[in-house]
Amino acid sequence: MDAAAVKLLAAGLAIGLGALGPALGLGILGYGAMQGLARNPEARGAIMTNMMIAAGLTEAIAIYALIVAIILALVA
């Protein structure tokens, strides 16, 4: 394998594995929020606010992985 192929393989693995964790985290987060809303509908405001904050922080990890993959593909 030449250097260009290894570089593209590293970029693909970086975003693939880097997006796997946030995807699972968002699924678990959504599941927990729906369970909380089903058990206590009156707490909708607090649950949804906390869920949106946590979802934004989780998505930031995937964005970091995307940036690392772009850097690996274009610069390294």
PDB file of N, CA and C in Angstrom:
ATOM      1  N   MET A   1       0.843  -1.175   0.000  1.00  0.00           N
ATOM      2  CA  MET A   1       0.000   0.000   0.000  1.00  0.00           C
ATOM      3  C   MET A   1       0.888   1.238   0.000  1.00  0.00           C
ATOM      4  N   ASP A   2       0.492   2.188  -0.804  1.00  0.00           N
ATOM      5  CA  ASP A   2       1.286   3.415  -0.841  1.00  0.00           C
ATOM      6  C   ASP A   2       0.807   4.397   0.231  1.00  0.00           C
ATOM      7  N   ALA A   3       1.502   5.500   0.349  1.00  0.00           N
ATOM      8  CA  ALA A   3       1.220   6.468   1.418  1.00  0.00           C
ATOM      9  C   ALA A   3      -0.142   7.129   1.248  1.00  0.00           C
ATOM     10  N   ALA A   4      -0.565   7.377   0.015  1.00  0.00           N
ATOM     11  CA  ALA A   4      -1.867   8.024  -0.212  1.00  0.00           C
ATOM     12  C   ALA A   4      -3.013   7.119   0.223  1.00  0.00           C
ATOM     13  N   ALA A   5      -2.877   5.819  -0.042  1.00  0.00           N
ATOM     14  CA  ALA A   5      -3.921   4.881   0.362  1.00  0.00           C
ATOM     15  C   ALA A   5      -4.018   4.779   1.876  1.00  0.00           C
ATOM     16  N   VAL A   6      -2.876   4.748   2.532  1.00  0.00           N
ATOM     17  CA  VAL A   6      -2.865   4.677   3.994  1.00  0.00           C
ATOM     18  C   VAL A   6      -3.471   5.939   4.595  1.00  0.00           C
ATOM     19  N   LYS A   7      -3.186   7.075   3.978  1.00  0.00           N
ATOM     20  CA  LYS A   7      -3.723   8.349   4.470  1.00  0.00           C
ATOM     21  C   LYS A   7      -5.251   8.367   4.370  1.00  0.00           C
ATOM     22  N   LEU A   8      -5.780   7.910   3.238  1.00  0.00           N
ATOM     23  CA  LEU A   8      -7.234   7.878   3.073  1.00  0.00           C
ATOM     24  C   LEU A   8      -7.884   6.834   3.971  1.00  0.00           C
ATOM     25  N   LEU A   9      -7.209   5.720   4.172  1.00  0.00           N
ATOM     26  CA  LEU A   9      -7.722   4.705   5.092  1.00  0.00           C
ATOM     27  C   LEU A   9      -7.784   5.242   6.519  1.00  0.00           C
ATOM     28  N   ALA A  10      -6.761   5.965   6.927  1.00  0.00           N
ATOM     29  CA  ALA A  10      -6.739   6.564   8.271  1.00  0.00           C
ATOM     30  C   ALA A  10      -7.849   7.590   8.426  1.00  0.00           C
ATOM     31  N   ALA A  11      -8.086   8.389   7.377  1.00  0.00           N
ATOM     32  CA  ALA A  11      -9.163   9.382   7.450  1.00  0.00           C
ATOM     33  C   ALA A  11     -10.521   8.698   7.551  1.00  0.00           C
ATOM     34  N   GLY A  12     -10.723   7.642   6.792  1.00  0.00           N
ATOM     35  CA  GLY A  12     -11.988   6.911   6.859  1.00  0.00           C
ATOM     36  C   GLY A  12     -12.220   6.270   8.212  1.00  0.00           C
ATOM     37  N   LEU A  13     -11.172   5.677   8.756  1.00  0.00           N
ATOM     38  CA  LEU A  13     -11.300   5.078  10.089  1.00  0.00           C
ATOM     39  C   LEU A  13     -11.526   6.132  11.161  1.00  0.00           C
ATOM     40  N   ALA A  14     -10.898   7.296  10.999  1.00  0.00           N
ATOM     41  CA  ALA A  14     -11.049   8.354  12.001  1.00  0.00           C
ATOM     42  C   ALA A  14     -12.494   8.815  12.092  1.00  0.00           C
ATOM     43  N   ILE A  15     -13.133   9.065  10.958  1.00  0.00           N
ATOM     44  CA  ILE A  15     -14.520   9.533  11.019  1.00  0.00           C
ATOM     45  C   ILE A  15     -15.478   8.380  11.316  1.00  0.00           C
ATOM     46  N   GLY A  16     -15.170   7.192  10.799  1.00  0.00           N
ATOM     47  CA  GLY A  16     -16.052   6.049  11.054  1.00  0.00           C
ATOM     48  C   GLY A  16     -16.124   5.680  12.524  1.00  0.00           C
ATOM     49  N   LEU A  17     -14.966   5.517  13.121  1.00  0.00           N
ATOM     50  CA  LEU A  17     -14.937   5.171  14.545  1.00  0.00           C
ATOM     51  C   LEU A  17     -15.253   6.375  15.422  1.00  0.00           C
ATOM     52  N   GLY A  18     -14.887   7.565  14.947  1.00  0.00           N
ATOM     53  CA  GLY A  18     -15.164   8.772  15.722  1.00  0.00           C
ATOM     54  C   GLY A  18     -16.633   9.136  15.756  1.00  0.00           C
ATOM     55  N   ALA A  19     -17.391   8.707  14.756  1.00  0.00           N
ATOM     56  CA  ALA A  19     -18.826   8.994  14.738  1.00  0.00           C
ATOM     57  C   ALA A  19     -19.642   7.872  15.374  1.00  0.00           C
ATOM     58  N   LEU A  20     -19.027   6.728  15.599  1.00  0.00           N
ATOM     59  CA  LEU A  20     -19.744   5.605  16.191  1.00  0.00           C
ATOM     60  C   LEU A  20     -20.165   5.891  17.635  1.00  0.00           C
ATOM     61  N   GLY A  21     -19.255   6.437  18.410  1.00  0.00           N
ATOM     62  CA  GLY A  21     -19.562   6.741  19.815  1.00  0.00           C
ATOM     63  C   GLY A  21     -20.673   7.769  19.974  1.00  0.00           C
ATOM     64  N   PRO A  22     -20.576   8.915  19.274  1.00  0.00           N
ATOM     65  CA  PRO A  22     -21.667   9.894  19.373  1.00  0.00           C
ATOM     66  C   PRO A  22     -23.012   9.356  18.876  1.00  0.00           C
ATOM     67  N   ALA A  23     -22.993   8.514  17.851  1.00  0.00           N
ATOM     68  CA  ALA A  23     -24.249   7.955  17.350  1.00  0.00           C
ATOM     69  C   ALA A  23     -24.907   7.070  18.405  1.00  0.00           C
ATOM     70  N   LEU A  24     -24.110   6.226  19.034  1.00  0.00           N
ATOM     71  CA  LEU A  24     -24.656   5.392  20.108  1.00  0.00           C
ATOM     72  C   LEU A  24     -25.106   6.246  21.295  1.00  0.00           C
ATOM     73  N   GLY A  25     -24.317   7.271  21.598  1.00  0.00           N
ATOM     74  CA  GLY A  25     -24.673   8.159  22.708  1.00  0.00           C
ATOM     75  C   GLY A  25     -25.973   8.897  22.464  1.00  0.00           C
ATOM     76  N   LEU A  26     -26.185   9.362  21.236  1.00  0.00           N
ATOM     77  CA  LEU A  26     -27.435  10.062  20.932  1.00  0.00           C
ATOM     78  C   LEU A  26     -28.628   9.116  20.988  1.00  0.00           C
ATOM     79  N   GLY A  27     -28.426   7.887  20.563  1.00  0.00           N
ATOM     80  CA  GLY A  27     -29.508   6.909  20.652  1.00  0.00           C
ATOM     81  C   GLY A  27     -29.894   6.622  22.094  1.00  0.00           C
ATOM     82  N   ILE A  28     -28.911   6.435  22.930  1.00  0.00           N
ATOM     83  CA  ILE A  28     -29.176   6.187  24.348  1.00  0.00           C
ATOM     84  C   ILE A  28     -29.791   7.420  24.999  1.00  0.00           C
ATOM     85  N   LEU A  29     -29.325   8.591  24.598  1.00  0.00           N
ATOM     86  CA  LEU A  29     -29.860   9.844  25.133  1.00  0.00           C
ATOM     87  C   LEU A  29     -31.338  10.021  24.769  1.00  0.00           C
ATOM     88  N   GLY A  30     -31.655   9.770  23.508  1.00  0.00           N
ATOM     89  CA  GLY A  30     -33.049   9.875  23.076  1.00  0.00           C
ATOM     90  C   GLY A  30     -33.936   8.858  23.766  1.00  0.00           C
ATOM     91  N   TYR A  31     -33.429   7.643  23.915  1.00  0.00           N
ATOM     92  CA  TYR A  31     -34.186   6.605  24.613  1.00  0.00           C
ATOM     93  C   TYR A  31     -34.471   7.015  26.053  1.00  0.00           C
ATOM     94  N   GLY A  32     -33.455   7.530  26.727  1.00  0.00           N
ATOM     95  CA  GLY A  32     -33.644   7.944  28.122  1.00  0.00           C
ATOM     96  C   GLY A  32     -34.602   9.117  28.248  1.00  0.00           C
ATOM     97  N   ALA A  33     -34.528  10.050  27.296  1.00  0.00           N
ATOM     98  CA  ALA A  33     -35.439  11.195  27.344  1.00  0.00           C
ATOM     99  C   ALA A  33     -36.886  10.756  27.116  1.00  0.00           C
ATOM    100  N   MET A  34     -37.104   9.851  26.177  1.00  0.00           N
ATOM    101  CA  MET A  34     -38.463   9.368  25.924  1.00  0.00           C
ATOM    102  C   MET A  34     -39.002   8.574  27.109  1.00  0.00           C
ATOM    103  N   GLN A  35     -38.132   7.810  27.752  1.00  0.00           N
ATOM    104  CA  GLN A  35     -38.550   7.086  28.951  1.00  0.00           C
ATOM    105  C   GLN A  35     -38.935   8.062  30.067  1.00  0.00           C
ATOM    106  N   GLY A  36     -38.131   9.108  30.225  1.00  0.00           N
ATOM    107  CA  GLY A  36     -38.429  10.111  31.245  1.00  0.00           C
ATOM    108  C   GLY A  36     -39.724  10.855  30.959  1.00  0.00           C
ATOM    109  N   LEU A  37     -39.958  11.170  29.682  1.00  0.00           N
ATOM    110  CA  LEU A  37     -41.209  11.858  29.336  1.00  0.00           C
ATOM    111  C   LEU A  37     -42.413  10.948  29.527  1.00  0.00           C
ATOM    112  N   ALA A  38     -42.248   9.670  29.245  1.00  0.00           N
ATOM    113  CA  ALA A  38     -43.361   8.737  29.431  1.00  0.00           C
ATOM    114  C   ALA A  38     -43.695   8.567  30.909  1.00  0.00           C
ATOM    115  N   ARG A  39     -42.695   8.618  31.745  1.00  0.00           N
ATOM    116  CA  ARG A  39     -42.925   8.430  33.179  1.00  0.00           C
ATOM    117  C   ARG A  39     -43.400   9.704  33.870  1.00  0.00           C
ATOM    118  N   ASN A  40     -42.943  10.868  33.366  1.00  0.00           N
ATOM    119  CA  ASN A  40     -43.290  12.131  34.027  1.00  0.00           C
ATOM    120  C   ASN A  40     -43.487  13.224  32.969  1.00  0.00           C
ATOM    121  N   PRO A  41     -44.664  13.288  32.365  1.00  0.00           N
ATOM    122  CA  PRO A  41     -44.892  14.265  31.294  1.00  0.00           C
ATOM    123  C   PRO A  41     -44.809  15.720  31.769  1.00  0.00           C
ATOM    124  N   GLU A  42     -45.022  15.972  33.042  1.00  0.00           N
ATOM    125  CA  GLU A  42     -44.974  17.345  33.545  1.00  0.00           C
ATOM    126  C   GLU A  42     -43.566  17.926  33.520  1.00  0.00           C
ATOM    127  N   ALA A  43     -42.558  17.074  33.516  1.00  0.00           N
ATOM    128  CA  ALA A  43     -41.171  17.530  33.528  1.00  0.00           C
ATOM    129  C   ALA A  43     -40.608  17.687  32.117  1.00  0.00           C
ATOM    130  N   ARG A  44     -41.485  17.885  31.141  1.00  0.00           N
ATOM    131  CA  ARG A  44     -41.060  17.953  29.746  1.00  0.00           C
ATOM    132  C   ARG A  44     -40.022  19.051  29.502  1.00  0.00           C
ATOM    133  N   GLY A  45     -40.235  20.222  30.053  1.00  0.00           N
ATOM    134  CA  GLY A  45     -39.327  21.340  29.820  1.00  0.00           C
ATOM    135  C   GLY A  45     -37.910  21.060  30.277  1.00  0.00           C
ATOM    136  N   ALA A  46     -37.775  20.578  31.491  1.00  0.00           N
ATOM    137  CA  ALA A  46     -36.443  20.295  32.037  1.00  0.00           C
ATOM    138  C   ALA A  46     -35.772  19.139  31.296  1.00  0.00           C
ATOM    139  N   ILE A  47     -36.551  18.112  30.969  1.00  0.00           N
ATOM    140  CA  ILE A  47     -35.979  16.954  30.273  1.00  0.00           C
ATOM    141  C   ILE A  47     -35.513  17.351  28.878  1.00  0.00           C
ATOM    142  N   MET A  48     -36.338  18.081  28.140  1.00  0.00           N
ATOM    143  CA  MET A  48     -35.978  18.459  26.776  1.00  0.00           C
ATOM    144  C   MET A  48     -34.791  19.425  26.752  1.00  0.00           C
ATOM    145  N   THR A  49     -34.741  20.347  27.708  1.00  0.00           N
ATOM    146  CA  THR A  49     -33.617  21.281  27.759  1.00  0.00           C
ATOM    147  C   THR A  49     -32.312  20.551  28.012  1.00  0.00           C
ATOM    148  N   ASN A  50     -32.314  19.670  28.993  1.00  0.00           N
ATOM    149  CA  ASN A  50     -31.105  18.907  29.299  1.00  0.00           C
ATOM    150  C   ASN A  50     -30.728  17.977  28.153  1.00  0.00           C
ATOM    151  N   MET A  51     -31.743  17.411  27.469  1.00  0.00           N
ATOM    152  CA  MET A  51     -31.454  16.532  26.344  1.00  0.00           C
ATOM    153  C   MET A  51     -30.799  17.303  25.203  1.00  0.00           C
ATOM    154  N   MET A  52     -31.276  18.509  24.913  1.00  0.00           N
ATOM    155  CA  MET A  52     -30.701  19.307  23.826  1.00  0.00           C
ATOM    156  C   MET A  52     -29.260  19.725  24.138  1.00  0.00           C
ATOM    157  N   ILE A  53     -28.993  20.081  25.388  1.00  0.00           N
ATOM    158  CA  ILE A  53     -27.625  20.438  25.776  1.00  0.00           C
ATOM    159  C   ILE A  53     -26.700  19.230  25.626  1.00  0.00           C
ATOM    160  N   ALA A  54     -27.139  18.086  26.102  1.00  0.00           N
ATOM    161  CA  ALA A  54     -26.322  16.875  26.004  1.00  0.00           C
ATOM    162  C   ALA A  54     -26.152  16.448  24.548  1.00  0.00           C
ATOM    163  N   ALA A  55     -27.184  16.608  23.724  1.00  0.00           N
ATOM    164  CA  ALA A  55     -27.074  16.252  22.309  1.00  0.00           C
ATOM    165  C   ALA A  55     -26.076  17.159  21.598  1.00  0.00           C
ATOM    166  N   GLY A  56     -26.074  18.421  21.932  1.00  0.00           N
ATOM    167  CA  GLY A  56     -25.109  19.346  21.333  1.00  0.00           C
ATOM    168  C   GLY A  56     -23.685  18.995  21.714  1.00  0.00           C
ATOM    169  N   LEU A  57     -23.465  18.647  22.965  1.00  0.00           N
ATOM    170  CA  LEU A  57     -22.112  18.255  23.403  1.00  0.00           C
ATOM    171  C   LEU A  57     -21.683  16.937  22.759  1.00  0.00           C
ATOM    172  N   THR A  58     -22.629  16.033  22.569  1.00  0.00           N
ATOM    173  CA  THR A  58     -22.319  14.764  21.928  1.00  0.00           C
ATOM    174  C   THR A  58     -21.980  14.965  20.458  1.00  0.00           C
ATOM    175  N   GLU A  59     -22.721  15.835  19.787  1.00  0.00           N
ATOM    176  CA  GLU A  59     -22.439  16.109  18.379  1.00  0.00           C
ATOM    177  C   GLU A  59     -21.094  16.798  18.205  1.00  0.00           C
ATOM    178  N   ALA A  60     -20.650  17.540  19.205  1.00  0.00           N
ATOM    179  CA  ALA A  60     -19.349  18.199  19.110  1.00  0.00           C
ATOM    180  C   ALA A  60     -18.235  17.171  18.967  1.00  0.00           C
ATOM    181  N   ILE A  61     -18.376  16.023  19.603  1.00  0.00           N
ATOM    182  CA  ILE A  61     -17.363  14.975  19.491  1.00  0.00           C
ATOM    183  C   ILE A  61     -17.292  14.466  18.057  1.00  0.00           C
ATOM    184  N   ALA A  62     -18.444  14.291  17.416  1.00  0.00           N
ATOM    185  CA  ALA A  62     -18.456  13.842  16.024  1.00  0.00           C
ATOM    186  C   ALA A  62     -17.858  14.902  15.103  1.00  0.00           C
ATOM    187  N   ILE A  63     -18.081  16.167  15.408  1.00  0.00           N
ATOM    188  CA  ILE A  63     -17.498  17.236  14.601  1.00  0.00           C
ATOM    189  C   ILE A  63     -15.981  17.248  14.755  1.00  0.00           C
ATOM    190  N   TYR A  64     -15.487  16.991  15.961  1.00  0.00           N
ATOM    191  CA  TYR A  64     -14.043  16.897  16.165  1.00  0.00           C
ATOM    192  C   TYR A  64     -13.464  15.748  15.335  1.00  0.00           C
ATOM    193  N   ALA A  65     -14.155  14.619  15.308  1.00  0.00           N
ATOM    194  CA  ALA A  65     -13.686  13.474  14.520  1.00  0.00           C
ATOM    195  C   ALA A  65     -13.689  13.818  13.029  1.00  0.00           C
ATOM    196  N   LEU A  66     -14.685  14.563  12.580  1.00  0.00           N
ATOM    197  CA  LEU A  66     -14.731  14.979  11.174  1.00  0.00           C
ATOM    198  C   LEU A  66     -13.555  15.889  10.840  1.00  0.00           C
ATOM    199  N   ILE A  67     -13.247  16.807  11.733  1.00  0.00           N
ATOM    200  CA  ILE A  67     -12.123  17.720  11.501  1.00  0.00           C
ATOM    201  C   ILE A  67     -10.808  16.939  11.460  1.00  0.00           C
ATOM    202  N   VAL A  68     -10.635  15.984  12.340  1.00  0.00           N
ATOM    203  CA  VAL A  68      -9.420  15.164  12.332  1.00  0.00           C
ATOM    204  C   VAL A  68      -9.329  14.373  11.020  1.00  0.00           C
ATOM    205  N   ALA A  69     -10.464  13.833  10.553  1.00  0.00           N
ATOM    206  CA  ALA A  69     -10.455  13.083   9.297  1.00  0.00           C
ATOM    207  C   ALA A  69     -10.098  13.988   8.123  1.00  0.00           C
ATOM    208  N   ILE A  70     -10.620  15.196   8.101  1.00  0.00           N
ATOM    209  CA  ILE A  70     -10.285  16.130   7.024  1.00  0.00           C
ATOM    210  C   ILE A  70      -8.813  16.497   7.064  1.00  0.00           C
ATOM    211  N   ILE A  71      -8.296  16.738   8.255  1.00  0.00           N
ATOM    212  CA  ILE A  71      -6.868  17.051   8.384  1.00  0.00           C
ATOM    213  C   ILE A  71      -6.015  15.877   7.916  1.00  0.00           C
ATOM    214  N   LEU A  72      -6.407  14.664   8.282  1.00  0.00           N
ATOM    215  CA  LEU A  72      -5.653  13.491   7.848  1.00  0.00           C
ATOM    216  C   LEU A  72      -5.694  13.324   6.330  1.00  0.00           C
ATOM    217  N   ALA A  73      -6.847  13.589   5.738  1.00  0.00           N
ATOM    218  CA  ALA A  73      -6.994  13.394   4.300  1.00  0.00           C
ATOM    219  C   ALA A  73      -6.285  14.467   3.488  1.00  0.00           C
ATOM    220  N   LEU A  74      -6.277  15.690   3.976  1.00  0.00           N
ATOM    221  CA  LEU A  74      -5.752  16.788   3.166  1.00  0.00           C
ATOM    222  C   LEU A  74      -4.350  17.243   3.540  1.00  0.00           C
ATOM    223  N   VAL A  75      -3.981  17.142   4.794  1.00  0.00           N
ATOM    224  CA  VAL A  75      -2.721  17.734   5.240  1.00  0.00           C
ATOM    225  C   VAL A  75      -1.654  16.681   5.511  1.00  0.00           C
ATOM    226  N   ALA A  76      -1.997  15.663   6.261  1.00  0.00           N
ATOM    227  CA  ALA A  76      -0.977  14.692   6.695  1.00  0.00           C
ATOM    228  C   ALA A  76      -0.368  13.924   5.550  1.00  0.00           C
TER     229      ALA A  76
END
